[in-house]
Amino acid sequence: MHFVGIDLAWGERNPTGVAVLDGTGALRQVVAVRTDDEIAAIVQAAAPGDLVAGIDAPLIVANETGSRPAEQALGKDFAAYEAGAHPSNLANPAFAAGTRGARVAVLLGLDIAPDSRASRRALEVYPHPATVALFRLGQTLKYKNKPGRDVEQLRGEMLTLIRLLESLESAKPALRLKQSAQWQGLVDTVQGATRKAQLRSAEDPIDAIICAYVALLAQQVPERVTTYGDFAGGYIVTPRLPEGLSPSRQSPQERSRTAAVNAARRAYAVQFPLVERATADAVELIAGVLDDAGLNYLTVSGRAKTVASFAEKAAREQNGELLYPDPLRQIGDTVGVRVITYVRGDVDAVVQLLAAETELLDDRDMGEETALQGRFGYSSRHLQLRLADDDRLAHPEIGDRQIQVQIRTVLQHAWAEFEHDIRYKGTIPPEQRPDFDRRFTLAAGLLELADEEFSTIRDKLRSGAAESVPGPAQTDRITSRELAAYLAGQYAGAAWSRADHYSWMAGLVHELGIPTLADLAAALRQVDTDRIDERMAYRTPPGAVRRLDDALLQRFGEEYVALDGNAHRVDRLQSRLAKLRGELG
């Protein structure tokens, strides 16, 4: 099944936006056309089978004057958000011979009854209240050209809408836009716009995408939409207004605060691509720091704070004043990185390493704060850091931006994700909340015990690994398991490294022509470990693979740097080799 959005113009002289989504929410087509025949040709080519179309135009108008009952009912909910509908009636010449929306529906073979279960059907939708409900907006985004709105304001508002729509990729159901070249073309047009006409060319296609998503939502999650009106007098389908959402307030002081937040939101939407690039760079940088130190971890991931999340945080107040008067500068988690480790000892090792390698601004142990309150619950280390001066030059995308790094074990992560999904995204009946709280607390306590046991298991394995080193191998190369066991004895005080790093290091040892553990031990006897420690001046204890890496670098020098397995890090190895030789301070 496909989902079609049609942002229908009043007549064929003005552009109409048409968008087509597939059943997964992926954008397959988005264009602007003018005539009914052009609309039909696009839809029939892109969605020849089952479809639900969301049409932004009246489908049914029966009232002689005034507003339709559907428009009045929708206005009661959404007018305070500046998202009420314009009145439609038969006194308007455009509806004298029926509605254009109904004619297009007939041309496409679509049933327009709101409760239809036909394989091809249409719904009347309206983008403005849809965006308010989908993105929890206190008022509509002002991306439509009206008197008093300049190009920069319109561009900022439209970019805000673009980022909000892109954020639906992680929603249920998802809206998948970024893989579409046509979508990227719209984004590029808006980002580079210097004239209102350029923005206008993107407006109708973007509205059509909203219409298509509302149609998808109505089909896949019908309980999340509301139908105002009925088939006899006309109807409008829109996402349900969220509980607890309030319209932006209107006193002079409150309008001033709202204007400040909106200006910051628009500015953030404009710079959001830079934030995304900075986040990707931060993930790569931090993973590289951990890998270079040979530390063990499960994953390093990142997220750029969404425009919606930024706007919500920027609007927070304390004692009637904005909590962040300068949100673009004061909100420090726009670039977020998450490191997931196996056991709690690894969390401490990562914290020590990042504190040594960056400018640490803040370190909060959320687990310790929870424990001081005498309870079990959320546990994670939250670091606020900034790159050192030298690293800022090497990573201009990040520059002097703050980076928030969350570090926790895989069990702590599982609890946090499940608890957040249930408590904040689900709906817990009030009468069941005490029971859910008790169960979440119990689960947190059990997972803390499990974390302790996993730490104990690994410590025992590490202490016994040296005794279980395999005997002489029958092959011509050292396996990763053999190497891991050997290094546990060779560098007993070093932390474990990632499993894939042992495999990689075993490959480097093979490239050096070292076939057995005995040959490796013979090569390492020529290494001055104390000299390595002195020259490298490790600020944090390196992992086992890093210890071997530096030992082989000292022993084989340029030969080691030139190995195929080291091709991705030649510059770093040359810098470390110079340090080992005393050529650098």
Protein backbone atom coordinates (compact mmCIF):
# COMPACT_ATOMS: atom_id res chain seq x y z
CA MET A 1 0.00 0.00 0.00
CA HIS A 2 1.09 3.56 -0.74
CA PHE A 3 0.25 6.82 0.98
CA VAL A 4 -0.25 9.90 -1.13
CA GLY A 5 -0.22 13.53 -0.04
CA ILE A 6 -1.80 16.22 -2.19
CA ASP A 7 -1.44 19.86 -1.15
CA LEU A 8 -4.14 20.99 -3.57
CA ALA A 9 -4.18 24.53 -4.94
CA TRP A 10 -7.52 26.32 -5.40
CA GLY A 11 -7.11 26.27 -9.16
CA GLU A 12 -4.88 24.87 -11.89
CA ARG A 13 -2.88 28.08 -12.32
CA ASN A 14 -1.08 27.61 -8.98
CA PRO A 15 1.25 24.71 -8.04
CA THR A 16 -0.01 21.64 -6.23
CA GLY A 17 2.37 19.51 -4.20
CA VAL A 18 2.19 15.72 -4.62
CA ALA A 19 4.09 13.24 -2.44
CA VAL A 20 4.05 9.43 -2.37
CA LEU A 21 5.24 7.25 0.54
CA ASP A 22 5.56 3.49 0.48
CA GLY A 23 4.34 1.18 3.23
CA THR A 24 7.52 1.72 5.27
CA GLY A 25 7.13 5.50 5.21
CA ALA A 26 9.93 5.99 2.65
CA LEU A 27 9.47 8.91 0.28
CA ARG A 28 9.18 7.64 -3.29
CA GLN A 29 8.04 10.75 -5.13
CA VAL A 30 7.57 14.43 -4.41
CA VAL A 31 6.87 17.05 -7.06
CA ALA A 32 4.88 20.18 -7.80
CA VAL A 33 2.39 20.10 -10.67
CA ARG A 34 -0.58 22.21 -11.74
CA THR A 35 -3.38 20.39 -13.56
CA ASP A 36 -5.66 17.59 -12.39
CA ASP A 37 -4.37 15.39 -15.19
CA GLU A 38 -0.79 15.94 -14.05
CA ILE A 39 -1.78 14.98 -10.49
CA ALA A 40 -3.44 11.82 -11.79
CA ALA A 41 -0.46 10.87 -13.94
CA ILE A 42 1.99 11.20 -11.04
CA VAL A 43 -0.18 9.22 -8.61
CA GLN A 44 -1.10 6.47 -11.06
CA ALA A 45 2.57 5.95 -11.98
CA ALA A 46 3.89 5.96 -8.41
CA ALA A 47 0.95 4.26 -6.64
CA PRO A 48 -1.09 2.16 -9.08
CA GLY A 49 -2.47 -0.20 -6.44
CA ASP A 50 -3.91 0.21 -2.95
CA LEU A 51 -3.50 3.66 -1.49
CA VAL A 52 -4.74 6.15 1.07
CA ALA A 53 -4.48 9.79 0.02
CA GLY A 54 -4.41 12.78 2.35
CA ILE A 55 -5.74 15.82 0.47
CA ASP A 56 -5.28 19.32 1.87
CA ALA A 57 -8.46 20.82 0.39
CA PRO A 58 -12.17 20.55 1.13
CA LEU A 59 -13.64 17.33 -0.22
CA ILE A 60 -17.23 17.92 0.91
CA VAL A 61 -18.92 21.33 1.32
CA ALA A 62 -22.66 21.40 2.02
CA ASN A 63 -23.21 24.59 4.04
CA GLU A 64 -24.46 27.70 2.24
CA THR A 65 -22.56 30.19 4.43
CA GLY A 66 -20.13 30.34 7.33
CA SER A 67 -17.85 27.50 8.35
CA ARG A 68 -18.41 23.79 8.09
CA PRO A 69 -19.11 21.97 11.38
CA ALA A 70 -15.76 20.19 10.95
CA GLU A 71 -13.92 23.50 10.78
CA GLN A 72 -15.73 24.78 13.86
CA ALA A 73 -14.93 21.63 15.85
CA LEU A 74 -11.28 21.64 14.78
CA GLY A 75 -11.04 25.33 15.65
CA LYS A 76 -12.16 24.67 19.24
CA ASP A 77 -9.10 22.48 19.71
CA PHE A 78 -6.52 24.19 17.49
CA ALA A 79 -7.44 27.87 17.09
CA ALA A 80 -5.45 28.76 20.22
CA TYR A 81 -2.40 27.29 18.45
CA GLU A 82 -3.13 29.51 15.40
CA ALA A 83 -4.04 26.36 13.47
CA GLY A 84 -7.74 26.88 12.84
CA ALA A 85 -9.18 26.19 9.39
CA HIS A 86 -10.40 28.79 6.94
CA PRO A 87 -14.21 28.76 6.43
CA SER A 88 -15.54 26.84 3.44
CA ASN A 89 -19.09 27.33 2.11
CA LEU A 90 -21.10 27.22 -1.10
CA ALA A 91 -21.07 31.02 -1.37
CA ASN A 92 -17.47 30.67 -2.47
CA PRO A 93 -17.43 30.44 -6.29
CA ALA A 94 -14.69 27.81 -6.08
CA PHE A 95 -17.25 25.38 -4.64
CA ALA A 96 -20.23 26.32 -6.82
CA ALA A 97 -19.78 23.26 -9.03
CA GLY A 98 -18.43 20.96 -6.33
CA THR A 99 -14.95 20.83 -4.85
CA ARG A 100 -11.72 20.35 -6.73
CA GLY A 101 -10.69 17.84 -4.08
CA ALA A 102 -13.68 15.63 -4.87
CA ARG A 103 -13.02 15.89 -8.61
CA VAL A 104 -9.41 14.78 -8.13
CA ALA A 105 -10.60 11.90 -5.93
CA VAL A 106 -12.98 10.75 -8.68
CA LEU A 107 -10.21 11.00 -11.26
CA LEU A 108 -8.03 8.76 -9.08
CA GLY A 109 -10.84 6.36 -8.21
CA LEU A 110 -10.77 7.19 -4.48
CA ASP A 111 -13.62 6.73 -2.02
CA ILE A 112 -13.90 9.87 0.13
CA ALA A 113 -16.05 8.54 2.98
CA PRO A 114 -14.13 9.02 6.28
CA ASP A 115 -14.96 5.49 7.50
CA SER A 116 -14.30 3.82 4.14
CA ARG A 117 -12.37 0.56 3.99
CA ALA A 118 -11.95 0.68 0.24
CA SER A 119 -8.55 -0.28 -1.17
CA ARG A 120 -8.21 3.21 -2.67
CA ARG A 121 -9.57 6.03 -0.55
CA ALA A 122 -8.99 9.67 0.31
CA LEU A 123 -9.13 11.75 3.49
CA GLU A 124 -9.30 15.49 3.91
CA VAL A 125 -6.32 16.59 6.01
CA TYR A 126 -4.80 19.89 7.13
CA PRO A 127 -1.03 20.33 7.65
CA HIS A 128 -1.11 23.15 10.24
CA PRO A 129 -2.88 21.28 13.08
CA ALA A 130 -0.99 18.15 12.05
CA THR A 131 2.37 19.79 12.76
CA VAL A 132 1.13 21.19 16.08
CA ALA A 133 0.04 17.72 17.21
CA LEU A 134 2.95 15.73 15.76
CA PHE A 135 5.68 17.99 17.14
CA ARG A 136 3.97 19.34 20.28
CA LEU A 137 4.17 22.95 19.10
CA GLY A 138 2.74 25.79 21.17
CA GLN A 139 1.84 27.55 17.91
CA THR A 140 2.15 26.91 14.20
CA LEU A 141 5.43 27.42 12.40
CA LYS A 142 5.39 30.65 10.41
CA TYR A 143 6.81 29.37 7.12
CA LYS A 144 3.99 30.73 4.96
CA ASN A 145 4.62 34.07 3.28
CA LYS A 146 2.62 36.76 5.10
CA PRO A 147 3.14 40.53 5.47
CA GLY A 148 5.95 41.35 7.90
CA ARG A 149 7.84 38.07 7.46
CA ASP A 150 11.22 38.43 5.82
CA VAL A 151 13.18 35.82 3.91
CA GLU A 152 15.43 34.87 6.84
CA GLN A 153 12.48 34.28 9.17
CA LEU A 154 10.64 32.21 6.56
CA ARG A 155 13.78 30.26 5.78
CA GLY A 156 14.42 29.54 9.47
CA GLU A 157 10.83 28.40 10.02
CA MET A 158 10.87 26.16 6.96
CA LEU A 159 14.21 24.64 7.99
CA THR A 160 12.68 23.99 11.41
CA LEU A 161 9.85 22.12 9.72
CA ILE A 162 12.34 20.18 7.62
CA ARG A 163 14.32 19.06 10.67
CA LEU A 164 11.14 18.12 12.52
CA LEU A 165 9.97 16.00 9.61
CA GLU A 166 13.37 14.31 9.39
CA SER A 167 13.16 13.50 13.10
CA LEU A 168 10.15 11.27 12.35
CA GLU A 169 12.58 8.68 10.98
CA SER A 170 12.78 7.33 14.54
CA ALA A 171 9.03 7.59 15.16
CA LYS A 172 6.45 4.84 14.97
CA PRO A 173 5.34 4.80 12.21
CA ALA A 174 8.49 6.16 10.60
CA LEU A 175 8.80 8.82 7.92
CA ARG A 176 11.95 8.14 5.89
CA LEU A 177 13.09 11.14 3.89
CA LYS A 178 16.87 11.41 3.88
CA GLN A 179 17.43 8.63 1.35
CA SER A 180 15.40 10.53 -1.25
CA ALA A 181 17.34 12.66 -3.77
CA GLN A 182 14.18 14.71 -4.34
CA TRP A 183 13.98 15.47 -0.63
CA GLN A 184 17.63 16.49 -0.53
CA GLY A 185 16.91 18.80 -3.44
CA LEU A 186 14.14 20.50 -1.47
CA VAL A 187 16.43 20.85 1.55
CA ASP A 188 19.19 22.36 -0.58
CA THR A 189 16.70 24.81 -2.10
CA VAL A 190 15.56 26.03 1.31
CA GLN A 191 19.07 26.20 2.78
CA GLY A 192 20.33 28.27 -0.11
CA ALA A 193 17.25 30.45 -0.53
CA THR A 194 17.76 34.20 -0.79
CA ARG A 195 14.33 35.03 -2.24
CA LYS A 196 10.80 34.20 -1.13
CA ALA A 197 10.03 32.64 -4.51
CA GLN A 198 12.67 29.99 -3.87
CA LEU A 199 11.05 29.11 -0.55
CA ARG A 200 7.62 29.09 -2.16
CA SER A 201 8.77 26.45 -4.66
CA ALA A 202 9.52 24.05 -1.77
CA GLU A 203 6.47 24.86 0.35
CA ASP A 204 3.81 22.85 -1.52
CA PRO A 205 5.90 19.65 -1.88
CA ILE A 206 6.79 19.76 1.83
CA ASP A 207 3.13 20.26 2.78
CA ALA A 208 2.27 17.30 0.55
CA ILE A 209 4.67 15.11 2.54
CA ILE A 210 2.87 16.10 5.75
CA CYS A 211 -0.45 15.16 4.10
CA ALA A 212 0.94 11.77 3.08
CA TYR A 213 2.21 11.08 6.59
CA VAL A 214 -1.18 11.90 8.12
CA ALA A 215 -2.72 9.39 5.69
CA LEU A 216 -0.15 6.79 6.77
CA LEU A 217 -0.84 7.52 10.44
CA ALA A 218 -4.60 7.21 9.92
CA GLN A 219 -4.15 3.82 8.27
CA GLN A 220 -1.51 2.28 10.53
CA VAL A 221 -2.34 3.85 13.92
CA PRO A 222 -5.97 5.04 13.65
CA GLU A 223 -6.24 5.64 17.40
CA ARG A 224 -3.74 8.50 17.04
CA VAL A 225 -5.95 10.60 14.75
CA THR A 226 -9.21 12.48 15.25
CA THR A 227 -11.91 12.97 12.64
CA TYR A 228 -13.72 16.29 12.96
CA GLY A 229 -17.14 16.41 11.25
CA ASP A 230 -18.76 13.71 9.13
CA PHE A 231 -19.43 12.61 5.58
CA ALA A 232 -22.64 14.60 5.25
CA GLY A 233 -21.23 18.02 6.14
CA GLY A 234 -17.54 17.49 5.47
CA TYR A 235 -14.72 16.28 7.71
CA ILE A 236 -11.04 16.83 8.51
CA VAL A 237 -8.66 14.12 9.78
CA THR A 238 -5.68 15.23 11.85
CA PRO A 239 -3.34 13.74 14.46
CA ARG A 240 -4.87 13.82 17.92
CA LEU A 241 -3.94 16.83 20.09
CA PRO A 242 -1.49 15.51 22.74
CA GLU A 243 -2.51 15.51 26.38
CA GLY A 244 -0.84 18.26 28.40
CA LEU A 245 0.06 20.40 25.39
CA SER A 246 -0.71 24.09 25.89
CA PRO A 247 -0.72 26.94 23.37
CA SER A 248 1.97 29.58 23.57
CA ARG A 249 0.92 32.25 26.03
CA GLN A 250 0.11 35.76 25.00
CA SER A 251 1.02 38.31 27.70
CA PRO A 252 3.63 40.86 26.50
CA GLN A 253 6.36 39.31 28.64
CA GLU A 254 5.41 35.81 27.57
CA ARG A 255 5.30 36.83 23.92
CA SER A 256 8.81 38.21 24.31
CA ARG A 257 10.07 34.91 25.75
CA THR A 258 8.29 32.95 23.03
CA ALA A 259 9.84 35.16 20.35
CA ALA A 260 13.31 34.59 21.84
CA VAL A 261 12.81 30.83 21.89
CA ASN A 262 11.48 30.82 18.33
CA ALA A 263 14.46 32.86 17.12
CA ALA A 264 16.86 30.41 18.78
CA ARG A 265 14.93 27.47 17.30
CA ARG A 266 15.17 28.93 13.80
CA ALA A 267 18.90 29.58 14.21
CA TYR A 268 19.44 26.04 15.47
CA ALA A 269 17.48 24.61 12.54
CA VAL A 270 19.74 26.52 10.16
CA GLN A 271 22.92 25.18 11.79
CA PHE A 272 21.55 21.65 12.39
CA PRO A 273 23.52 20.07 9.51
CA LEU A 274 26.69 21.38 11.17
CA VAL A 275 25.60 19.81 14.45
CA GLU A 276 25.04 16.49 12.67
CA ARG A 277 28.53 16.61 11.14
CA ALA A 278 30.05 17.57 14.51
CA THR A 279 28.28 14.62 16.13
CA ALA A 280 29.56 12.16 13.52
CA ASP A 281 33.07 13.56 13.99
CA ALA A 282 32.77 13.30 17.79
CA VAL A 283 31.74 9.63 17.56
CA GLU A 284 34.69 8.85 15.30
CA LEU A 285 37.08 10.81 17.52
CA ILE A 286 36.01 9.21 20.80
CA ALA A 287 35.97 5.71 19.31
CA GLY A 288 39.46 6.40 18.01
CA VAL A 289 40.68 7.54 21.43
CA LEU A 290 39.30 4.36 23.02
CA ASP A 291 40.75 2.15 20.29
CA ASP A 292 44.12 3.85 20.49
CA ALA A 293 44.24 3.18 24.21
CA GLY A 294 43.19 -0.43 23.65
CA LEU A 295 40.15 -0.18 25.92
CA ASN A 296 37.28 -2.62 25.77
CA TYR A 297 33.80 -1.36 24.88
CA LEU A 298 30.68 -2.58 23.10
CA THR A 299 29.56 0.41 21.03
CA VAL A 300 30.12 4.12 20.52
CA SER A 301 27.13 5.95 19.03
CA GLY A 302 25.95 9.52 18.75
CA ARG A 303 22.94 11.71 18.21
CA ALA A 304 22.54 15.33 17.24
CA LYS A 305 19.89 16.95 19.44
CA THR A 306 16.75 17.29 17.34
CA VAL A 307 15.22 20.67 16.64
CA ALA A 308 12.11 19.67 18.61
CA SER A 309 14.17 18.62 21.63
CA PHE A 310 16.25 21.81 21.43
CA ALA A 311 13.11 23.97 21.26
CA GLU A 312 11.58 22.18 24.25
CA LYS A 313 14.72 22.69 26.33
CA ALA A 314 15.12 26.30 25.21
CA ALA A 315 11.57 27.03 26.40
CA ARG A 316 12.12 25.74 29.96
CA GLU A 317 11.51 28.30 32.66
CA GLN A 318 12.43 28.78 36.27
CA ASN A 319 10.63 31.35 38.43
CA GLY A 320 9.03 32.87 35.37
CA GLU A 321 12.31 33.37 33.49
CA LEU A 322 13.94 31.37 30.73
CA LEU A 323 16.34 28.79 32.15
CA TYR A 324 18.60 29.28 29.13
CA PRO A 325 18.55 32.99 28.12
CA ASP A 326 21.14 32.21 25.42
CA PRO A 327 20.17 28.65 24.43
CA LEU A 328 22.50 28.35 21.44
CA ARG A 329 25.44 28.86 23.77
CA GLN A 330 24.11 27.45 27.04
CA ILE A 331 22.50 24.17 25.97
CA GLY A 332 25.45 21.82 26.14
CA ASP A 333 24.07 18.53 24.88
CA THR A 334 23.42 19.35 21.22
CA VAL A 335 26.27 16.94 20.40
CA GLY A 336 25.72 13.70 22.28
CA VAL A 337 27.87 10.56 22.35
CA ARG A 338 27.07 7.32 24.15
CA VAL A 339 29.66 4.69 25.07
CA ILE A 340 28.36 1.26 26.10
CA THR A 341 30.79 -1.00 27.96
CA TYR A 342 30.58 -4.54 29.24
CA VAL A 343 31.30 -4.08 32.95
CA ARG A 344 31.50 -1.18 35.41
CA GLY A 345 35.30 -1.24 35.56
CA ASP A 346 35.33 -0.34 31.89
CA VAL A 347 33.11 2.68 32.61
CA ASP A 348 35.72 4.02 35.02
CA ALA A 349 38.51 3.37 32.53
CA VAL A 350 36.68 5.28 29.79
CA VAL A 351 35.99 8.19 32.14
CA GLN A 352 39.66 8.39 33.17
CA LEU A 353 40.82 8.29 29.56
CA LEU A 354 38.43 10.97 28.28
CA ALA A 355 39.21 13.18 31.28
CA ALA A 356 42.90 12.92 30.42
CA GLU A 357 42.46 13.50 26.69
CA THR A 358 39.96 16.39 26.73
CA GLU A 359 38.93 19.42 28.75
CA LEU A 360 36.50 17.95 31.28
CA LEU A 361 33.82 20.48 32.24
CA ASP A 362 31.56 18.29 34.38
CA ASP A 363 31.30 14.69 35.58
CA ARG A 364 28.04 13.40 37.05
CA ASP A 365 27.70 9.86 38.34
CA MET A 366 23.95 9.36 38.05
CA GLY A 367 24.15 5.94 39.69
CA GLU A 368 25.89 7.41 42.71
CA GLU A 369 23.30 10.18 42.95
CA THR A 370 20.55 7.55 42.86
CA ALA A 371 22.30 5.47 45.53
CA LEU A 372 22.68 8.50 47.82
CA GLN A 373 18.90 8.78 47.75
CA GLY A 374 18.73 5.23 49.12
CA ARG A 375 17.23 3.64 46.01
CA PHE A 376 18.00 1.76 42.82
CA GLY A 377 17.34 3.23 39.39
CA TYR A 378 19.01 5.05 36.53
CA SER A 379 22.77 4.55 36.48
CA SER A 380 25.15 6.25 34.03
CA ARG A 381 28.16 8.55 33.96
CA HIS A 382 27.51 11.85 32.21
CA LEU A 383 30.56 13.81 31.12
CA GLN A 384 30.48 17.33 29.73
CA LEU A 385 33.65 17.98 27.81
CA ARG A 386 35.32 20.14 25.21
CA LEU A 387 38.23 19.27 22.95
CA ALA A 388 41.71 20.40 23.86
CA ASP A 389 43.02 23.35 21.84
CA ASP A 390 45.18 21.21 19.51
CA ASP A 391 42.31 18.82 18.80
CA ARG A 392 39.96 21.70 17.93
CA LEU A 393 42.24 22.63 15.04
CA ALA A 394 42.23 19.03 13.82
CA HIS A 395 38.43 18.75 14.19
CA PRO A 396 36.95 22.04 12.97
CA GLU A 397 33.45 20.54 12.70
CA ILE A 398 33.45 20.18 16.48
CA GLY A 399 35.53 23.25 17.27
CA ASP A 400 34.71 24.61 20.71
CA ARG A 401 31.30 22.90 20.93
CA GLN A 402 30.57 21.06 24.13
CA ILE A 403 30.10 17.29 23.87
CA GLN A 404 27.98 15.33 26.30
CA VAL A 405 29.20 11.76 26.70
CA GLN A 406 27.06 9.16 28.47
CA ILE A 407 28.91 6.04 29.59
CA ARG A 408 27.21 2.98 31.01
CA THR A 409 27.30 -0.81 30.95
CA VAL A 410 25.17 -2.82 28.58
CA LEU A 411 22.89 -3.85 31.47
CA GLN A 412 22.52 -0.26 32.68
CA HIS A 413 21.74 0.73 29.09
CA ALA A 414 19.09 -1.97 28.73
CA TRP A 415 17.33 -0.76 31.89
CA ALA A 416 17.51 2.90 30.87
CA GLU A 417 16.16 2.28 27.36
CA PHE A 418 13.31 0.04 28.49
CA GLU A 419 12.33 2.32 31.36
CA HIS A 420 12.35 5.39 29.10
CA ASP A 421 10.34 3.61 26.40
CA ILE A 422 7.66 2.51 28.86
CA ARG A 423 7.50 5.51 31.16
CA TYR A 424 7.87 8.34 28.67
CA LYS A 425 6.64 6.91 25.39
CA GLY A 426 4.03 4.50 26.69
CA THR A 427 0.95 5.12 28.78
CA ILE A 428 0.93 3.80 32.33
CA PRO A 429 -2.51 4.00 33.99
CA PRO A 430 -2.23 6.16 37.13
CA GLU A 431 -3.50 3.37 39.37
CA GLN A 432 -0.67 1.10 38.16
CA ARG A 433 2.20 3.56 38.53
CA PRO A 434 3.21 2.48 42.08
CA ASP A 435 3.44 -1.14 40.93
CA PHE A 436 5.47 -0.17 37.84
CA ASP A 437 7.79 1.96 40.00
CA ARG A 438 8.37 -0.98 42.33
CA ARG A 439 9.08 -3.35 39.45
CA PHE A 440 11.50 -0.94 37.76
CA THR A 441 13.31 -0.52 41.10
CA LEU A 442 13.50 -4.28 41.57
CA ALA A 443 14.87 -4.73 38.04
CA ALA A 444 17.51 -2.03 38.66
CA GLY A 445 18.65 -3.78 41.83
CA LEU A 446 18.89 -7.16 40.11
CA LEU A 447 20.86 -5.67 37.21
CA GLU A 448 23.28 -4.02 39.63
CA LEU A 449 23.92 -7.44 41.16
CA ALA A 450 24.36 -8.92 37.69
CA ASP A 451 26.87 -6.19 36.82
CA GLU A 452 28.87 -7.07 39.93
CA GLU A 453 28.85 -10.76 39.03
CA PHE A 454 29.97 -10.09 35.46
CA SER A 455 32.85 -7.99 36.84
CA THR A 456 33.84 -10.82 39.16
CA ILE A 457 33.68 -13.36 36.32
CA ARG A 458 35.93 -11.27 34.14
CA ASP A 459 38.41 -10.64 36.94
CA LYS A 460 38.66 -14.38 37.61
CA LEU A 461 39.07 -15.11 33.92
CA ARG A 462 41.80 -12.49 33.65
CA SER A 463 43.70 -13.82 36.65
CA GLY A 464 43.53 -17.37 35.33
CA ALA A 465 44.18 -16.61 31.69
CA ALA A 466 47.94 -16.72 31.98
CA GLU A 467 47.77 -20.29 33.32
CA SER A 468 45.67 -21.45 30.38
CA VAL A 469 47.90 -20.27 27.52
CA PRO A 470 47.73 -23.02 24.85
CA GLY A 471 50.76 -25.11 24.11
CA PRO A 472 52.65 -24.99 20.84
CA ALA A 473 50.22 -24.47 17.97
CA GLN A 474 50.11 -26.74 14.93
CA THR A 475 49.44 -23.83 12.56
CA ASP A 476 51.72 -21.12 11.18
CA ARG A 477 49.93 -18.25 12.93
CA ILE A 478 48.77 -17.19 16.38
CA THR A 479 44.97 -17.11 16.81
CA SER A 480 43.17 -14.22 18.48
CA ARG A 481 42.20 -16.45 21.43
CA GLU A 482 45.80 -17.55 21.93
CA LEU A 483 46.97 -13.96 21.74
CA ALA A 484 44.37 -12.78 24.26
CA ALA A 485 45.40 -15.45 26.75
CA TYR A 486 49.08 -14.69 26.24
CA LEU A 487 48.63 -10.94 26.72
CA ALA A 488 46.66 -11.51 29.93
CA GLY A 489 49.84 -13.06 31.34
CA GLN A 490 52.32 -10.76 29.64
CA TYR A 491 50.52 -7.59 30.78
CA ALA A 492 48.67 -8.81 33.84
CA GLY A 493 47.69 -5.34 35.02
CA ALA A 494 46.33 -4.16 31.69
CA ALA A 495 42.62 -3.98 30.94
CA TRP A 496 41.04 -6.28 28.41
CA SER A 497 40.67 -4.94 24.89
CA ARG A 498 37.90 -5.42 22.34
CA ALA A 499 37.60 -8.90 20.82
CA ASP A 500 38.01 -7.55 17.29
CA HIS A 501 41.20 -5.77 18.36
CA TYR A 502 42.78 -9.09 19.36
CA SER A 503 41.93 -10.42 15.89
CA TRP A 504 43.41 -7.32 14.25
CA MET A 505 46.58 -7.52 16.37
CA ALA A 506 46.94 -11.23 15.58
CA GLY A 507 46.89 -10.25 11.92
CA LEU A 508 49.68 -7.70 12.47
CA VAL A 509 51.77 -10.29 14.29
CA HIS A 510 51.28 -12.65 11.33
CA GLU A 511 52.31 -9.90 8.89
CA LEU A 512 55.55 -9.52 10.88
CA GLY A 513 56.27 -13.21 10.21
CA ILE A 514 55.86 -14.29 13.85
CA PRO A 515 54.18 -17.73 13.69
CA THR A 516 54.09 -18.87 17.33
CA LEU A 517 53.73 -17.51 20.86
CA ALA A 518 57.31 -18.61 21.56
CA ASP A 519 58.54 -16.48 18.67
CA LEU A 520 56.46 -13.55 19.93
CA ALA A 521 57.90 -13.93 23.42
CA ALA A 522 61.42 -13.98 21.95
CA ALA A 523 60.73 -10.75 20.04
CA LEU A 524 59.33 -9.02 23.11
CA ARG A 525 62.39 -9.96 25.22
CA GLN A 526 64.28 -7.33 23.22
CA VAL A 527 61.76 -4.64 24.23
CA ASP A 528 62.49 -2.22 27.07
CA THR A 529 59.08 -1.94 28.75
CA ASP A 530 60.27 0.61 31.29
CA ARG A 531 61.58 2.83 28.49
CA ILE A 532 58.21 2.60 26.73
CA ASP A 533 56.38 3.63 29.90
CA GLU A 534 58.77 6.52 30.41
CA ARG A 535 58.60 7.78 26.84
CA MET A 536 54.84 7.32 26.31
CA ALA A 537 53.96 8.75 29.75
CA TYR A 538 50.53 7.11 29.65
CA ARG A 539 47.98 9.33 31.35
CA THR A 540 45.65 6.37 31.86
CA PRO A 541 46.46 2.64 32.06
CA PRO A 542 46.52 1.31 28.46
CA GLY A 543 44.75 -1.89 27.46
CA ALA A 544 46.56 -5.11 26.66
CA VAL A 545 46.45 -4.63 22.88
CA ARG A 546 47.86 -1.10 23.20
CA ARG A 547 50.74 -2.43 25.33
CA LEU A 548 51.62 -4.98 22.65
CA ASP A 549 51.12 -2.36 19.92
CA ASP A 550 53.71 -0.05 21.47
CA ALA A 551 56.08 -2.94 22.17
CA LEU A 552 56.00 -4.06 18.52
CA LEU A 553 56.36 -0.44 17.39
CA GLN A 554 59.53 -0.05 19.48
CA ARG A 555 60.90 -3.41 18.35
CA PHE A 556 60.22 -3.20 14.59
CA GLY A 557 59.98 0.57 13.97
CA GLU A 558 59.20 1.59 10.37
CA GLU A 559 58.65 -2.04 9.36
CA TYR A 560 55.71 -2.18 11.77
CA VAL A 561 54.33 1.18 10.61
CA ALA A 562 54.37 -0.03 6.99
CA LEU A 563 52.23 -3.15 7.59
CA ASP A 564 49.06 -3.34 5.50
CA GLY A 565 47.00 -3.70 8.68
CA ASN A 566 48.28 -0.31 9.87
CA ALA A 567 47.51 1.61 6.66
CA HIS A 568 44.64 3.51 8.33
CA ARG A 569 46.84 4.96 11.08
CA VAL A 570 50.28 5.64 9.63
CA ASP A 571 50.42 9.25 10.86
CA ARG A 572 49.53 8.28 14.42
CA LEU A 573 52.07 5.46 14.50
CA GLN A 574 54.82 7.68 13.12
CA SER A 575 54.07 10.23 15.83
CA ARG A 576 54.19 7.53 18.52
CA LEU A 577 57.41 6.10 17.09
CA ALA A 578 59.06 9.50 17.28
CA LYS A 579 57.93 9.74 20.89
CA LEU A 580 59.34 6.29 21.68
CA ARG A 581 62.66 7.36 20.20
CA GLY A 582 62.73 10.52 22.26
CA GLU A 583 62.34 12.76 19.23
CA LEU A 584 59.21 14.42 20.67
CA GLY A 585 58.63 15.93 24.08
